[in-house]
């Protein structure tokens, strides 16, 4: 997911927004996640969320649920691009 953080004015503020997301997603959905790009850009972030399962439908459901949860629980964070890829 590519995220836009319009209210952020420093890297410290950005980390205070991204860190709770990265902490709560694994607790809520049993996934792994990490910020994978734009670490030094104030208002932009790219995070990866990973789910492992023997069912591709389950993976898609979990990843879509995590996107929906992020949109509803962090209204100040805008998802500008998202991609679900099943391998």
C-alpha atoms as a PDB file:
ATOM      1  CA  UNK A   1       0.000   0.000   0.000  1.00  0.00           C
ATOM      2  CA  UNK A   2       1.155   3.495  -0.764  1.00  0.00           C
ATOM      3  CA  UNK A   3       0.029   5.957   1.858  1.00  0.00           C
ATOM      4  CA  UNK A   4      -0.305   9.724   1.863  1.00  0.00           C
ATOM      5  CA  UNK A   5      -0.128  11.497   5.236  1.00  0.00           C
ATOM      6  CA  UNK A   6      -1.302  15.082   4.591  1.00  0.00           C
ATOM      7  CA  UNK A   7      -1.189  16.253   8.230  1.00  0.00           C
ATOM      8  CA  UNK A   8       2.412  15.164   8.858  1.00  0.00           C
ATOM      9  CA  UNK A   9       5.116  17.838   9.041  1.00  0.00           C
ATOM     10  CA  UNK A  10       8.172  15.885  10.198  1.00  0.00           C
ATOM     11  CA  UNK A  11       9.648  12.408  10.222  1.00  0.00           C
ATOM     12  CA  UNK A  12       8.906  12.178  13.940  1.00  0.00           C
ATOM     13  CA  UNK A  13       5.208  12.840  13.290  1.00  0.00           C
ATOM     14  CA  UNK A  14       5.244  10.341  10.435  1.00  0.00           C
ATOM     15  CA  UNK A  15       6.665   7.632  12.662  1.00  0.00           C
ATOM     16  CA  UNK A  16       4.019   8.385  15.281  1.00  0.00           C
ATOM     17  CA  UNK A  17       1.366   7.625  12.653  1.00  0.00           C
ATOM     18  CA  UNK A  18       3.016   4.642  10.918  1.00  0.00           C
ATOM     19  CA  UNK A  19       4.219   2.823  14.037  1.00  0.00           C
ATOM     20  CA  UNK A  20       0.713   2.161  15.453  1.00  0.00           C
ATOM     21  CA  UNK A  21      -0.389   0.856  12.059  1.00  0.00           C
ATOM     22  CA  UNK A  22       2.559  -1.525  11.882  1.00  0.00           C
ATOM     23  CA  UNK A  23       1.936  -2.665  15.463  1.00  0.00           C
ATOM     24  CA  UNK A  24      -1.831  -3.191  15.199  1.00  0.00           C
ATOM     25  CA  UNK A  25      -2.100  -4.920  11.817  1.00  0.00           C
ATOM     26  CA  UNK A  26      -0.269  -8.082  12.992  1.00  0.00           C
ATOM     27  CA  UNK A  27      -2.296  -8.199  16.205  1.00  0.00           C
ATOM     28  CA  UNK A  28      -5.607  -7.832  14.398  1.00  0.00           C
ATOM     29  CA  UNK A  29      -5.024  -9.972  11.289  1.00  0.00           C
ATOM     30  CA  UNK A  30      -2.099 -12.314  12.033  1.00  0.00           C
ATOM     31  CA  UNK A  31      -0.002 -10.819   9.224  1.00  0.00           C
ATOM     32  CA  UNK A  32       3.511  -9.457   8.932  1.00  0.00           C
ATOM     33  CA  UNK A  33       4.049  -5.871   7.818  1.00  0.00           C
ATOM     34  CA  UNK A  34       6.825  -3.381   7.294  1.00  0.00           C
ATOM     35  CA  UNK A  35       7.473   0.044   5.827  1.00  0.00           C
ATOM     36  CA  UNK A  36       9.338  -0.801   2.630  1.00  0.00           C
ATOM     37  CA  UNK A  37       9.841   2.566   0.924  1.00  0.00           C
ATOM     38  CA  UNK A  38       9.703   6.340   1.426  1.00  0.00           C
ATOM     39  CA  UNK A  39      11.185   6.056   4.924  1.00  0.00           C
ATOM     40  CA  UNK A  40      12.755   9.512   4.702  1.00  0.00           C
ATOM     41  CA  UNK A  41       9.792  11.279   3.086  1.00  0.00           C
ATOM     42  CA  UNK A  42       7.461  13.095   5.485  1.00  0.00           C
ATOM     43  CA  UNK A  43       4.058  12.676   3.900  1.00  0.00           C
ATOM     44  CA  UNK A  44       4.495   9.433   2.041  1.00  0.00           C
ATOM     45  CA  UNK A  45       4.936   5.809   3.026  1.00  0.00           C
ATOM     46  CA  UNK A  46       4.794   2.426   1.410  1.00  0.00           C
ATOM     47  CA  UNK A  47       4.001  -0.578   3.556  1.00  0.00           C
ATOM     48  CA  UNK A  48       3.846  -4.253   2.716  1.00  0.00           C
ATOM     49  CA  UNK A  49       1.443  -6.612   4.446  1.00  0.00           C
ATOM     50  CA  UNK A  50       2.098 -10.337   4.109  1.00  0.00           C
ATOM     51  CA  UNK A  51      -0.120 -13.302   4.850  1.00  0.00           C
ATOM     52  CA  UNK A  52       0.803 -16.969   4.446  1.00  0.00           C
ATOM     53  CA  UNK A  53      -1.874 -19.583   3.870  1.00  0.00           C
ATOM     54  CA  UNK A  54      -2.656 -22.634   1.759  1.00  0.00           C
ATOM     55  CA  UNK A  55      -5.803 -20.865   0.503  1.00  0.00           C
ATOM     56  CA  UNK A  56      -5.471 -17.963  -1.933  1.00  0.00           C
ATOM     57  CA  UNK A  57      -9.033 -16.890  -1.116  1.00  0.00           C
ATOM     58  CA  UNK A  58      -8.143 -16.639   2.574  1.00  0.00           C
ATOM     59  CA  UNK A  59      -5.065 -14.555   1.732  1.00  0.00           C
ATOM     60  CA  UNK A  60      -7.112 -12.158  -0.406  1.00  0.00           C
ATOM     61  CA  UNK A  61      -9.791 -11.850   2.299  1.00  0.00           C
ATOM     62  CA  UNK A  62      -7.247 -11.129   5.036  1.00  0.00           C
ATOM     63  CA  UNK A  63      -5.363  -8.568   2.958  1.00  0.00           C
ATOM     64  CA  UNK A  64      -8.556  -6.825   1.840  1.00  0.00           C
ATOM     65  CA  UNK A  65      -9.786  -6.769   5.429  1.00  0.00           C
ATOM     66  CA  UNK A  66      -6.518  -5.171   6.524  1.00  0.00           C
ATOM     67  CA  UNK A  67      -6.935  -2.462   3.879  1.00  0.00           C
ATOM     68  CA  UNK A  68     -10.540  -1.835   4.936  1.00  0.00           C
ATOM     69  CA  UNK A  69      -9.511  -1.727   8.598  1.00  0.00           C
ATOM     70  CA  UNK A  70      -6.750   0.795   7.876  1.00  0.00           C
ATOM     71  CA  UNK A  71      -9.157   3.047   5.975  1.00  0.00           C
ATOM     72  CA  UNK A  72     -11.755   2.995   8.732  1.00  0.00           C
ATOM     73  CA  UNK A  73      -9.406   3.281  11.746  1.00  0.00           C
ATOM     74  CA  UNK A  74      -6.921   5.809  10.373  1.00  0.00           C
ATOM     75  CA  UNK A  75      -9.015   8.380   8.465  1.00  0.00           C
ATOM     76  CA  UNK A  76      -6.077  10.820   8.269  1.00  0.00           C
ATOM     77  CA  UNK A  77      -4.057   8.258   6.290  1.00  0.00           C
ATOM     78  CA  UNK A  78      -5.016   8.102   2.631  1.00  0.00           C
ATOM     79  CA  UNK A  79      -4.300   4.984   0.608  1.00  0.00           C
ATOM     80  CA  UNK A  80      -3.202   6.285  -2.785  1.00  0.00           C
ATOM     81  CA  UNK A  81      -2.351   2.911  -4.294  1.00  0.00           C
ATOM     82  CA  UNK A  82      -2.857  -0.686  -3.284  1.00  0.00           C
ATOM     83  CA  UNK A  83      -2.032  -4.014  -4.827  1.00  0.00           C
ATOM     84  CA  UNK A  84      -2.869  -7.512  -3.683  1.00  0.00           C
ATOM     85  CA  UNK A  85      -0.587 -10.139  -5.129  1.00  0.00           C
ATOM     86  CA  UNK A  86      -0.954 -13.858  -4.482  1.00  0.00           C
ATOM     87  CA  UNK A  87       2.017 -16.104  -5.180  1.00  0.00           C
END
